[in-house]
C-alpha atoms as a PDB file:
ATOM      1  CA  MET A   1       0.000   0.000   0.000  1.00  0.00           C
ATOM      2  CA  LYS A   2       1.360   3.422  -1.100  1.00  0.00           C
ATOM      3  CA  ALA A   3       0.440   6.363   1.145  1.00  0.00           C
ATOM      4  CA  ARG A   4       1.982   9.122   3.316  1.00  0.00           C
ATOM      5  CA  GLY A   5       2.905   8.044   6.833  1.00  0.00           C
ATOM      6  CA  LYS A   6       2.901   4.381   5.968  1.00  0.00           C
ATOM      7  CA  ILE A   7       2.787   2.033   9.050  1.00  0.00           C
ATOM      8  CA  LYS A   8       5.733  -0.216   9.276  1.00  0.00           C
ATOM      9  CA  LYS A   9       5.314  -3.904  10.052  1.00  0.00           C
ATOM     10  CA  GLU A  10       8.077  -3.763  12.626  1.00  0.00           C
ATOM     11  CA  ASP A  11       6.160  -1.105  14.551  1.00  0.00           C
ATOM     12  CA  ILE A  12       3.057  -3.234  14.591  1.00  0.00           C
ATOM     13  CA  ILE A  13       4.973  -6.329  15.678  1.00  0.00           C
ATOM     14  CA  LYS A  14       6.593  -4.369  18.501  1.00  0.00           C
ATOM     15  CA  ALA A  15       3.353  -2.710  19.550  1.00  0.00           C
ATOM     16  CA  PHE A  16       1.219  -5.869  19.592  1.00  0.00           C
ATOM     17  CA  GLU A  17       1.547  -9.438  20.518  1.00  0.00           C
ATOM     18  CA  ARG A  18       2.393 -11.776  17.706  1.00  0.00           C
ATOM     19  CA  LYS A  19      -1.093 -13.073  17.023  1.00  0.00           C
ATOM     20  CA  GLN A  20      -2.589  -9.611  17.270  1.00  0.00           C
ATOM     21  CA  ALA A  21       0.114  -8.248  14.983  1.00  0.00           C
ATOM     22  CA  GLU A  22      -0.562 -10.952  12.373  1.00  0.00           C
ATOM     23  CA  VAL A  23      -4.278 -10.117  12.418  1.00  0.00           C
ATOM     24  CA  LEU A  24      -3.542  -6.404  12.030  1.00  0.00           C
ATOM     25  CA  LEU A  25      -1.104  -7.002   9.203  1.00  0.00           C
ATOM     26  CA  ARG A  26      -3.628  -9.044   7.251  1.00  0.00           C
ATOM     27  CA  LEU A  27      -6.168  -6.346   7.931  1.00  0.00           C
ATOM     28  CA  LEU A  28      -3.785  -3.717   6.590  1.00  0.00           C
ATOM     29  CA  ASP A  29      -3.106  -5.700   3.468  1.00  0.00           C
ATOM     30  CA  ILE A  30      -6.810  -5.860   2.800  1.00  0.00           C
ATOM     31  CA  MET A  31      -7.342  -2.218   3.584  1.00  0.00           C
ATOM     32  CA  ASN A  32      -4.468  -1.170   1.338  1.00  0.00           C
ATOM     33  CA  GLU A  33      -6.537  -2.250  -1.581  1.00  0.00           C
ATOM     34  CA  VAL A  34      -9.809  -0.553  -0.705  1.00  0.00           C
ATOM     35  CA  VAL A  35      -9.205   2.333   1.624  1.00  0.00           C
ATOM     36  CA  LYS A  36      -8.323   5.785   0.468  1.00  0.00           C
ATOM     37  CA  ALA A  37      -5.430   7.741   1.829  1.00  0.00           C
ATOM     38  CA  LYS A  38      -7.552   9.921   4.028  1.00  0.00           C
ATOM     39  CA  GLU A  39      -9.360   7.044   5.534  1.00  0.00           C
ATOM     40  CA  PHE A  40      -6.097   5.279   5.933  1.00  0.00           C
ATOM     41  CA  ASN A  41      -4.773   8.152   7.946  1.00  0.00           C
ATOM     42  CA  GLU A  42      -7.779   7.935  10.177  1.00  0.00           C
ATOM     43  CA  LEU A  43      -7.297   4.228  10.468  1.00  0.00           C
ATOM     44  CA  LYS A  44      -3.682   4.765  11.226  1.00  0.00           C
ATOM     45  CA  GLU A  45      -4.694   7.071  14.048  1.00  0.00           C
ATOM     46  CA  ILE A  46      -7.019   4.436  15.343  1.00  0.00           C
ATOM     47  CA  VAL A  47      -4.257   1.863  15.150  1.00  0.00           C
ATOM     48  CA  ARG A  48      -1.986   4.133  17.141  1.00  0.00           C
ATOM     49  CA  GLU A  49      -4.673   4.472  19.737  1.00  0.00           C
ATOM     50  CA  LEU A  50      -5.075   0.747  19.729  1.00  0.00           C
ATOM     51  CA  ALA A  51      -1.319   0.356  20.025  1.00  0.00           C
ATOM     52  CA  GLU A  52      -1.279   2.804  22.952  1.00  0.00           C
ATOM     53  CA  ALA A  53      -4.175   0.979  24.516  1.00  0.00           C
ATOM     54  CA  GLN A  54      -2.321  -2.258  23.916  1.00  0.00           C
ATOM     55  CA  ARG A  55       0.805  -0.824  25.468  1.00  0.00           C
ATOM     56  CA  GLN A  56      -1.191   0.303  28.473  1.00  0.00           C
ATOM     57  CA  THR A  57      -2.857  -3.073  28.582  1.00  0.00           C
ATOM     58  CA  THR A  58       0.565  -4.749  28.407  1.00  0.00           C
ATOM     59  CA  GLN A  59       1.751  -2.440  31.181  1.00  0.00           C
ATOM     60  CA  SER A  60      -1.335  -3.263  33.186  1.00  0.00           C
ATOM     61  CA  ILE A  61      -0.785  -6.932  32.487  1.00  0.00           C
ATOM     62  CA  LYS A  62       2.827  -6.560  33.596  1.00  0.00           C
ATOM     63  CA  GLU A  63       1.704  -4.775  36.706  1.00  0.00           C
ATOM     64  CA  LEU A  64      -0.929  -7.429  37.178  1.00  0.00           C
ATOM     65  CA  THR A  65       1.766 -10.034  36.668  1.00  0.00           C
ATOM     66  CA  GLU A  66       3.915  -8.389  39.303  1.00  0.00           C
ATOM     67  CA  ALA A  67       0.926  -8.094  41.570  1.00  0.00           C
ATOM     68  CA  GLN A  68       0.135 -11.709  40.745  1.00  0.00           C
ATOM     69  CA  LYS A  69       3.673 -12.705  41.727  1.00  0.00           C
ATOM     70  CA  LYS A  70       3.342 -10.728  44.909  1.00  0.00           C
ATOM     71  CA  SER A  71      -0.053 -12.324  45.474  1.00  0.00           C
ATOM     72  CA  GLU A  72       1.453 -15.731  44.759  1.00  0.00           C
ATOM     73  CA  ASP A  73       4.264 -14.958  47.206  1.00  0.00           C
ATOM     74  CA  ARG A  74       1.723 -13.860  49.754  1.00  0.00           C
ATOM     75  CA  ILE A  75      -0.378 -16.904  48.933  1.00  0.00           C
ATOM     76  CA  SER A  76       2.734 -19.085  49.315  1.00  0.00           C
ATOM     77  CA  LYS A  77       3.389 -17.438  52.651  1.00  0.00           C
ATOM     78  CA  ILE A  78      -0.280 -17.833  53.461  1.00  0.00           C
ATOM     79  CA  GLU A  79      -0.086 -21.490  52.384  1.00  0.00           C
ATOM     80  CA  ILE A  80       2.976 -21.962  54.570  1.00  0.00           C
ATOM     81  CA  THR A  81       1.176 -20.185  57.363  1.00  0.00           C
ATOM     82  CA  MET A  82      -1.895 -22.284  56.669  1.00  0.00           C
ATOM     83  CA  GLN A  83       0.261 -25.436  56.756  1.00  0.00           C
ATOM     84  CA  GLU A  84       1.718 -24.292  60.008  1.00  0.00           C
ATOM     85  CA  LEU A  85      -1.776 -23.517  61.178  1.00  0.00           C
ATOM     86  CA  ILE A  86      -2.862 -26.978  60.053  1.00  0.00           C
ATOM     87  CA  GLU A  87       0.067 -28.517  61.921  1.00  0.00           C
ATOM     88  CA  ALA A  88      -0.697 -26.344  64.898  1.00  0.00           C
ATOM     89  CA  GLN A  89      -4.339 -27.332  64.581  1.00  0.00           C
ATOM     90  CA  LYS A  90      -3.316 -30.978  64.497  1.00  0.00           C
ATOM     91  CA  ARG A  91      -1.223 -30.458  67.603  1.00  0.00           C
ATOM     92  CA  SER A  92      -4.074 -28.557  69.154  1.00  0.00           C
ATOM     93  CA  GLU A  93      -6.452 -31.357  68.262  1.00  0.00           C
ATOM     94  CA  GLU A  94      -4.020 -33.889  69.727  1.00  0.00           C
ATOM     95  CA  ARG A  95      -3.731 -31.782  72.860  1.00  0.00           C
ATOM     96  CA  ILE A  96      -7.492 -31.360  72.863  1.00  0.00           C
ATOM     97  CA  SER A  97      -7.849 -35.139  72.487  1.00  0.00           C
ATOM     98  CA  LYS A  98      -5.485 -35.659  75.389  1.00  0.00           C
ATOM     99  CA  VAL A  99      -7.291 -32.998  77.364  1.00  0.00           C
ATOM    100  CA  GLU A 100     -10.601 -34.616  76.472  1.00  0.00           C
ATOM    101  CA  ALA A 101      -9.221 -38.020  77.555  1.00  0.00           C
ATOM    102  CA  ARG A 102      -7.983 -36.505  80.782  1.00  0.00           C
ATOM    103  CA  LEU A 103     -11.269 -34.686  81.122  1.00  0.00           C
ATOM    104  CA  GLU A 104     -13.112 -37.978  80.599  1.00  0.00           C
ATOM    105  CA  LYS A 105     -10.977 -39.626  83.262  1.00  0.00           C
ATOM    106  CA  LEU A 106     -11.526 -36.615  85.464  1.00  0.00           C
ATOM    107  CA  GLU A 107     -15.261 -36.873  84.901  1.00  0.00           C
ATOM    108  CA  ILE A 108     -15.097 -40.568  85.850  1.00  0.00           C
ATOM    109  CA  THR A 109     -13.042 -39.668  88.916  1.00  0.00           C
ATOM    110  CA  VAL A 110     -15.462 -36.896  89.800  1.00  0.00           C
ATOM    111  CA  GLN A 111     -18.345 -39.336  89.400  1.00  0.00           C
ATOM    112  CA  GLU A 112     -16.546 -41.820  91.609  1.00  0.00           C
ATOM    113  CA  LEU A 113     -15.930 -39.042  94.110  1.00  0.00           C
ATOM    114  CA  ILE A 114     -19.621 -38.164  93.964  1.00  0.00           C
ATOM    115  CA  GLU A 115     -20.523 -41.810  94.619  1.00  0.00           C
ATOM    116  CA  ALA A 116     -17.913 -41.995  97.389  1.00  0.00           C
ATOM    117  CA  GLN A 117     -19.297 -38.783  98.834  1.00  0.00           C
ATOM    118  CA  LYS A 118     -22.778 -40.294  98.791  1.00  0.00           C
ATOM    119  CA  ARG A 119     -21.485 -43.378 100.558  1.00  0.00           C
ATOM    120  CA  SER A 120     -19.591 -41.178 103.011  1.00  0.00           C
ATOM    121  CA  GLU A 121     -22.737 -39.187 103.676  1.00  0.00           C
ATOM    122  CA  GLU A 122     -24.650 -42.426 104.246  1.00  0.00           C
ATOM    123  CA  ARG A 123     -21.929 -43.673 106.597  1.00  0.00           C
ATOM    124  CA  ILE A 124     -21.893 -40.313 108.344  1.00  0.00           C
ATOM    125  CA  SER A 125     -25.668 -40.522 108.714  1.00  0.00           C
ATOM    126  CA  ARG A 126     -25.392 -44.003 110.184  1.00  0.00           C
ATOM    127  CA  ALA A 127     -22.506 -42.865 112.379  1.00  0.00           C
ATOM    128  CA  GLU A 128     -24.568 -39.902 113.555  1.00  0.00           C
ATOM    129  CA  GLU A 129     -27.424 -42.258 114.396  1.00  0.00           C
ATOM    130  CA  ARG A 130     -25.038 -44.530 116.277  1.00  0.00           C
ATOM    131  CA  LEU A 131     -23.476 -41.519 117.963  1.00  0.00           C
ATOM    132  CA  GLU A 132     -26.914 -40.311 118.996  1.00  0.00           C
ATOM    133  CA  LYS A 133     -27.711 -43.751 120.414  1.00  0.00           C
ATOM    134  CA  LEU A 134     -24.281 -43.826 122.071  1.00  0.00           C
ATOM    135  CA  GLU A 135     -24.880 -40.421 123.607  1.00  0.00           C
ATOM    136  CA  ILE A 136     -28.186 -41.703 124.962  1.00  0.00           C
ATOM    137  CA  THR A 137     -26.415 -44.818 126.284  1.00  0.00           C
ATOM    138  CA  VAL A 138     -23.644 -42.691 127.823  1.00  0.00           C
ATOM    139  CA  GLN A 139     -26.257 -40.508 129.473  1.00  0.00           C
ATOM    140  CA  GLU A 140     -27.960 -43.605 130.802  1.00  0.00           C
ATOM    141  CA  LEU A 141     -24.578 -44.881 132.004  1.00  0.00           C
ATOM    142  CA  ILE A 142     -23.949 -41.543 133.708  1.00  0.00           C
ATOM    143  CA  GLU A 143     -27.287 -41.833 135.459  1.00  0.00           C
ATOM    144  CA  ALA A 144     -26.551 -45.442 136.332  1.00  0.00           C
ATOM    145  CA  GLN A 145     -23.095 -44.393 137.559  1.00  0.00           C
ATOM    146  CA  LYS A 146     -24.677 -41.748 139.776  1.00  0.00           C
ATOM    147  CA  LYS A 147     -27.024 -44.368 141.180  1.00  0.00           C
ATOM    148  CA  SER A 148     -24.088 -46.772 141.564  1.00  0.00           C
ATOM    149  CA  GLU A 149     -22.101 -44.113 143.384  1.00  0.00           C
ATOM    150  CA  GLU A 150     -25.050 -43.472 145.648  1.00  0.00           C
ATOM    151  CA  ARG A 151     -25.402 -47.187 146.274  1.00  0.00           C
ATOM    152  CA  LEU A 152     -21.631 -47.452 146.714  1.00  0.00           C
ATOM    153  CA  THR A 153     -21.734 -44.638 149.225  1.00  0.00           C
ATOM    154  CA  LYS A 154     -24.503 -46.437 151.081  1.00  0.00           C
ATOM    155  CA  LEU A 155     -22.521 -49.663 150.711  1.00  0.00           C
ATOM    156  CA  GLU A 156     -19.406 -47.989 152.102  1.00  0.00           C
ATOM    157  CA  ILE A 157     -21.445 -46.796 155.045  1.00  0.00           C
ATOM    158  CA  THR A 158     -22.849 -50.307 155.439  1.00  0.00           C
ATOM    159  CA  MET A 159     -19.341 -51.784 155.074  1.00  0.00           C
ATOM    160  CA  GLN A 160     -18.058 -49.409 157.722  1.00  0.00           C
ATOM    161  CA  GLU A 161     -20.893 -50.506 159.960  1.00  0.00           C
ATOM    162  CA  LEU A 162     -20.073 -54.139 159.103  1.00  0.00           C
ATOM    163  CA  ILE A 163     -16.408 -53.490 159.889  1.00  0.00           C
ATOM    164  CA  GLU A 164     -17.388 -52.097 163.236  1.00  0.00           C
ATOM    165  CA  ALA A 165     -19.741 -55.033 163.739  1.00  0.00           C
ATOM    166  CA  GLN A 166     -16.962 -57.390 162.620  1.00  0.00           C
ATOM    167  CA  LYS A 167     -14.587 -55.835 165.118  1.00  0.00           C
ATOM    168  CA  ASN A 168     -17.203 -56.317 167.793  1.00  0.00           C
ATOM    169  CA  THR A 169     -17.770 -59.870 166.534  1.00  0.00           C
ATOM    170  CA  GLU A 170     -14.026 -60.574 166.554  1.00  0.00           C
ATOM    171  CA  ASP A 171     -13.777 -59.226 170.059  1.00  0.00           C
ATOM    172  CA  GLU A 172     -16.702 -61.451 171.011  1.00  0.00           C
ATOM    173  CA  ILE A 173     -15.096 -64.399 169.170  1.00  0.00           C
ATOM    174  CA  ARG A 174     -11.841 -63.790 171.030  1.00  0.00           C
ATOM    175  CA  ARG A 175     -13.737 -63.813 174.297  1.00  0.00           C
ATOM    176  CA  LEU A 176     -15.629 -66.935 173.199  1.00  0.00           C
ATOM    177  CA  THR A 177     -12.369 -68.534 172.024  1.00  0.00           C
ATOM    178  CA  LYS A 178     -10.803 -67.910 175.383  1.00  0.00           C
ATOM    179  CA  SER A 179     -13.880 -69.324 177.017  1.00  0.00           C
ATOM    180  CA  LEU A 180     -13.836 -72.313 174.635  1.00  0.00           C
ATOM    181  CA  ILE A 181     -10.148 -72.926 175.276  1.00  0.00           C
ATOM    182  CA  SER A 182     -10.840 -72.785 178.952  1.00  0.00           C
ATOM    183  CA  LEU A 183     -13.805 -75.108 178.517  1.00  0.00           C
ATOM    184  CA  LYS A 184     -11.718 -77.420 176.341  1.00  0.00           C
ATOM    185  CA  GLU A 185      -9.044 -77.515 178.960  1.00  0.00           C
ATOM    186  CA  GLU A 186     -11.664 -78.250 181.545  1.00  0.00           C
ATOM    187  CA  VAL A 187     -13.275 -80.915 179.346  1.00  0.00           C
ATOM    188  CA  GLY A 188      -9.868 -82.287 178.490  1.00  0.00           C
ATOM    189  CA  GLY A 189      -9.016 -82.399 182.115  1.00  0.00           C
ATOM    190  CA  LEU A 190     -12.342 -84.028 182.820  1.00  0.00           C
ATOM    191  CA  SER A 191     -11.741 -86.474 179.934  1.00  0.00           C
ATOM    192  CA  HIS A 192      -8.328 -87.269 181.311  1.00  0.00           C
ATOM    193  CA  THR A 193      -9.860 -87.661 184.724  1.00  0.00           C
ATOM    194  CA  VAL A 194     -12.509 -90.002 183.337  1.00  0.00           C
ATOM    195  CA  GLY A 195      -9.878 -91.859 181.317  1.00  0.00           C
ATOM    196  CA  TYR A 196      -7.519 -92.112 184.236  1.00  0.00           C
ATOM    197  CA  ARG A 197     -10.367 -93.324 186.442  1.00  0.00           C
ATOM    198  CA  LEU A 198     -11.282 -95.981 183.881  1.00  0.00           C
ATOM    199  CA  GLU A 199      -7.641 -97.001 183.581  1.00  0.00           C
ATOM    200  CA  ASP A 200      -7.289 -97.152 187.376  1.00  0.00           C
ATOM    201  CA  GLU A 201     -10.288 -99.412 187.673  1.00  0.00           C
ATOM    202  CA  ALA A 202      -9.031-101.549 184.765  1.00  0.00           C
ATOM    203  CA  ILE A 203      -5.557-101.868 186.279  1.00  0.00           C
ATOM    204  CA  LYS A 204      -7.136-103.126 189.514  1.00  0.00           C
ATOM    205  CA  SER A 205      -9.636-105.519 187.902  1.00  0.00           C
ATOM    206  CA  LEU A 206      -7.795-106.880 184.845  1.00  0.00           C
ATOM    207  CA  PRO A 207      -5.535-109.394 186.631  1.00  0.00           C
ATOM    208  CA  SER A 208      -8.514-111.433 187.828  1.00  0.00           C
ATOM    209  CA  LEU A 209     -10.346-111.004 184.489  1.00  0.00           C
ATOM    210  CA  LEU A 210      -7.304-112.146 182.513  1.00  0.00           C
ATOM    211  CA  LYS A 211      -6.920-115.147 184.803  1.00  0.00           C
ATOM    212  CA  ARG A 212     -10.577-115.986 184.368  1.00  0.00           C
ATOM    213  CA  ASP A 213     -10.852-115.442 180.602  1.00  0.00           C
ATOM    214  CA  MET A 214      -7.364-116.338 179.305  1.00  0.00           C
ATOM    215  CA  ASP A 215      -5.641-118.183 182.149  1.00  0.00           C
ATOM    216  CA  ILE A 216      -3.029-115.400 182.169  1.00  0.00           C
ATOM    217  CA  GLU A 217      -1.215-114.859 185.438  1.00  0.00           C
ATOM    218  CA  VAL A 218      -0.139-111.232 185.784  1.00  0.00           C
ATOM    219  CA  ILE A 219       3.487-110.948 186.951  1.00  0.00           C
ATOM    220  CA  GLY A 220       3.863-108.091 189.365  1.00  0.00           C
ATOM    221  CA  ARG A 221       1.348-105.341 188.783  1.00  0.00           C
ATOM    222  CA  LEU A 222      -0.213-103.634 185.780  1.00  0.00           C
ATOM    223  CA  ARG A 223       0.671 -99.876 185.487  1.00  0.00           C
ATOM    224  CA  ARG A 224       0.859 -96.699 183.405  1.00  0.00           C
ATOM    225  CA  ASP A 225       4.329 -96.314 181.949  1.00  0.00           C
ATOM    226  CA  PHE A 226       6.588 -95.094 179.103  1.00  0.00           C
ATOM    227  CA  LEU A 227       8.571 -97.458 176.893  1.00  0.00           C
ATOM    228  CA  GLU A 228      11.945 -95.959 175.988  1.00  0.00           C
ATOM    229  CA  VAL A 229      12.683 -96.839 172.373  1.00  0.00           C
ATOM    230  CA  ALA A 230      15.566 -94.395 171.799  1.00  0.00           C
ATOM    231  CA  PRO A 231      17.367 -91.690 173.770  1.00  0.00           C
ATOM    232  CA  HIS A 232      14.723 -89.142 174.787  1.00  0.00           C
ATOM    233  CA  LYS A 233      12.090 -90.966 172.734  1.00  0.00           C
ATOM    234  CA  TYR A 234       9.220 -92.765 174.483  1.00  0.00           C
ATOM    235  CA  ILE A 235       5.967 -94.551 173.748  1.00  0.00           C
ATOM    236  CA  GLU A 236       3.219 -93.746 176.257  1.00  0.00           C
ATOM    237  CA  LEU A 237       1.498 -96.874 177.660  1.00  0.00           C
ATOM    238  CA  ASN A 238      -1.862 -96.515 179.402  1.00  0.00           C
ATOM    239  CA  ILE A 239      -1.985-100.127 180.630  1.00  0.00           C
ATOM    240  CA  TRP A 240       1.290-102.074 180.642  1.00  0.00           C
ATOM    241  CA  GLY A 241       2.572-105.196 182.293  1.00  0.00           C
ATOM    242  CA  GLU A 242       3.771-108.816 182.004  1.00  0.00           C
ATOM    243  CA  GLY A 243       1.919-112.104 182.209  1.00  0.00           C
ATOM    244  CA  GLU A 244       2.550-115.842 182.043  1.00  0.00           C
ATOM    245  CA  ARG A 245       0.654-118.875 180.866  1.00  0.00           C
ATOM    246  CA  ASN A 246       1.948-122.425 180.951  1.00  0.00           C
ATOM    247  CA  GLY A 247       5.474-121.114 181.403  1.00  0.00           C
ATOM    248  CA  LYS A 248       5.257-118.715 178.440  1.00  0.00           C
ATOM    249  CA  LYS A 249       5.661-115.011 179.032  1.00  0.00           C
ATOM    250  CA  TYR A 250       3.510-112.284 177.421  1.00  0.00           C
ATOM    251  CA  VAL A 251       3.422-108.471 177.407  1.00  0.00           C
ATOM    252  CA  ILE A 252       0.065-106.932 178.303  1.00  0.00           C
ATOM    253  CA  ILE A 253      -0.824-103.732 176.381  1.00  0.00           C
ATOM    254  CA  GLY A 254      -4.052-101.826 176.892  1.00  0.00           C
ATOM    255  CA  GLU A 255      -5.822 -98.508 176.630  1.00  0.00           C
ATOM    256  CA  ALA A 256      -9.022 -97.017 178.047  1.00  0.00           C
ATOM    257  CA  LYS A 257     -11.483 -94.945 175.983  1.00  0.00           C
ATOM    258  CA  SER A 258     -14.709 -93.549 177.373  1.00  0.00           C
ATOM    259  CA  GLN A 259     -16.499 -94.108 173.990  1.00  0.00           C
ATOM    260  CA  LEU A 260     -14.573 -96.448 171.720  1.00  0.00           C
ATOM    261  CA  LYS A 261     -14.547 -95.661 167.977  1.00  0.00           C
ATOM    262  CA  LYS A 262     -13.044 -97.368 164.971  1.00  0.00           C
ATOM    263  CA  ARG A 263     -10.377 -94.651 164.758  1.00  0.00           C
ATOM    264  CA  ASP A 264      -9.346 -95.457 168.332  1.00  0.00           C
ATOM    265  CA  VAL A 265      -8.904 -99.131 167.348  1.00  0.00           C
ATOM    266  CA  ASP A 266      -6.697 -98.162 164.390  1.00  0.00           C
ATOM    267  CA  ASP A 267      -4.561 -95.789 166.498  1.00  0.00           C
ATOM    268  CA  PHE A 268      -4.121 -98.512 169.147  1.00  0.00           C
ATOM    269  CA  MET A 269      -3.042-101.043 166.508  1.00  0.00           C
ATOM    270  CA  ASP A 270      -0.463 -98.580 165.144  1.00  0.00           C
ATOM    271  CA  LYS A 271       1.012 -98.313 168.643  1.00  0.00           C
ATOM    272  CA  VAL A 272       0.982-102.118 169.037  1.00  0.00           C
ATOM    273  CA  GLU A 273       2.863-102.552 165.741  1.00  0.00           C
ATOM    274  CA  GLU A 274       5.447 -99.981 166.791  1.00  0.00           C
ATOM    275  CA  ILE A 275       5.990-101.750 170.137  1.00  0.00           C
ATOM    276  CA  LYS A 276       6.649-105.033 168.283  1.00  0.00           C
ATOM    277  CA  ARG A 277       9.809-103.439 166.887  1.00  0.00           C
ATOM    278  CA  TYR A 278      11.257-103.124 170.392  1.00  0.00           C
ATOM    279  CA  VAL A 279       9.617-105.905 172.454  1.00  0.00           C
ATOM    280  CA  SER A 280       9.824-109.479 171.165  1.00  0.00           C
ATOM    281  CA  GLU A 281       7.370-111.193 173.537  1.00  0.00           C
ATOM    282  CA  GLU A 282       3.909-112.108 172.284  1.00  0.00           C
ATOM    283  CA  GLN A 283       1.288-109.471 173.022  1.00  0.00           C
ATOM    284  CA  ILE A 284      -2.047-109.567 174.780  1.00  0.00           C
ATOM    285  CA  CYS A 285      -3.983-106.499 173.534  1.00  0.00           C
ATOM    286  CA  LEU A 286      -6.817-104.981 175.606  1.00  0.00           C
ATOM    287  CA  LEU A 287      -9.239-102.058 175.211  1.00  0.00           C
ATOM    288  CA  VAL A 288     -11.455-100.821 178.043  1.00  0.00           C
ATOM    289  CA  THR A 289     -14.496 -98.590 177.406  1.00  0.00           C
ATOM    290  CA  TYR A 290     -17.795 -97.440 178.755  1.00  0.00           C
ATOM    291  CA  ILE A 291     -19.600 -98.030 175.449  1.00  0.00           C
ATOM    292  CA  THR A 292     -19.014 -98.905 171.777  1.00  0.00           C
ATOM    293  CA  SER A 293     -21.062-100.005 168.777  1.00  0.00           C
ATOM    294  CA  PRO A 294     -21.350-103.673 167.731  1.00  0.00           C
ATOM    295  CA  ASP A 295     -19.515-102.880 164.488  1.00  0.00           C
ATOM    296  CA  VAL A 296     -16.527-101.439 166.374  1.00  0.00           C
ATOM    297  CA  ARG A 297     -16.583-104.393 168.764  1.00  0.00           C
ATOM    298  CA  ARG A 298     -16.468-106.891 165.881  1.00  0.00           C
ATOM    299  CA  TYR A 299     -13.761-104.834 164.153  1.00  0.00           C
ATOM    300  CA  ALA A 300     -11.608-104.938 167.313  1.00  0.00           C
ATOM    301  CA  GLU A 301     -12.106-108.688 167.829  1.00  0.00           C
ATOM    302  CA  GLU A 302     -11.063-109.298 164.186  1.00  0.00           C
ATOM    303  CA  LYS A 303      -7.802-107.489 165.011  1.00  0.00           C
ATOM    304  CA  GLY A 304      -7.268-109.830 168.005  1.00  0.00           C
ATOM    305  CA  ILE A 305      -8.146-107.217 170.628  1.00  0.00           C
ATOM    306  CA  LYS A 306     -10.092-108.163 173.766  1.00  0.00           C
ATOM    307  CA  ILE A 307     -12.638-105.540 174.858  1.00  0.00           C
ATOM    308  CA  TYR A 308     -13.747-105.060 178.456  1.00  0.00           C
ATOM    309  CA  PHE A 309     -16.580-102.803 179.476  1.00  0.00           C
ATOM    310  CA  SER A 310     -16.560-100.641 182.595  1.00  0.00           C
ATOM    311  CA  TYR A 311     -19.406-102.558 184.157  1.00  0.00           C
ATOM    312  CA  GLU A 312     -17.236-105.718 184.040  1.00  0.00           C
ATOM    313  CA  LEU A 313     -14.498-104.209 186.162  1.00  0.00           C
END
C-alpha cells in the first residue's frame, strides 16, 4: 500500500503481541486495496490508539503479573502459614484429644468421688445415728453411775458398819475362844480324869479277868508307863505289864477310851505294831471302854483285841 505516513510492520509487531500483529497485518493488506489515503490516515490514528491501549494493557498486564507474583508470594506465605496452622491445629487437636481423655478420666473420677461422697454421707448418717444412740447410752450410764455411786456410798457406810460389827464380833469371838479354850481344857481335864479313872479301875480288875478269861497270870502289877525306844524318845502306855501262861511269858498292852470308835482301834493297833519293833514277847492287847457299837466291837475282835466294858471291872 502506497500512502503518506505508511505504518511499518516492525512497529506493529513491537506494539502488539504476535497473534494480534498478524491479524492487524492481514487487515492492513486488505485495507491497502480498498481504503483511500484519508481514511487510511484515520485508520492509522485508530491503530496508534489501539497500540497505545495495547501498550497500556501490556503495562497493566505486567503490573498485574507483578501483583500476581506478589499475590502468589503472599499466597505461598499464606499457604505456609496455613500449613503451620494446620500442623498447629493438628497439635491442638491432639492436645485437645489428650485434654478430652484426661477430662473424661476426670469426669469418671469426679463421678466416683460423687458416689464416694454419697457413701460417706450415708456412713456419716449411720454414724450420727449410732453416735446419737451412744450419747443416749452414755447418758444412761452416767445416770446409772450416779445411782451406783449413791449405792456405793450407802454400801461404804454399810461396810463401815459391818467393819465395826466385825470388830465387835471378833472381840466377842476372842472372848468366846478364850472361854472355849478354857472349857476345852476343863473338858480335856475331865476327859483325862474319866480316862484315868477308867484305867485305874481296869488296872485293879484286869488281873482277875485275865486269869478268868485267858488263864493269864499277871506278873507283878499292871501300870501306866513309858517305853523308851531311843534316847529321849518314848511310847506312852496306858496299861502295861507282864503275864505268864503255861510257862510262856507275854506283854500286856491296853488302853481305856470312854467311847470307843473305829479310829481309836486303828490308832491302838499302830502303837501295838510300833511296840513289836522293840519288844519281842507275844502281846495280849486290851481295850477298856464305857460303850461302843457292835460294828466297832467286831472290828476290834477281828484285830485280836479283847474288849472289856466298865461294868465288868
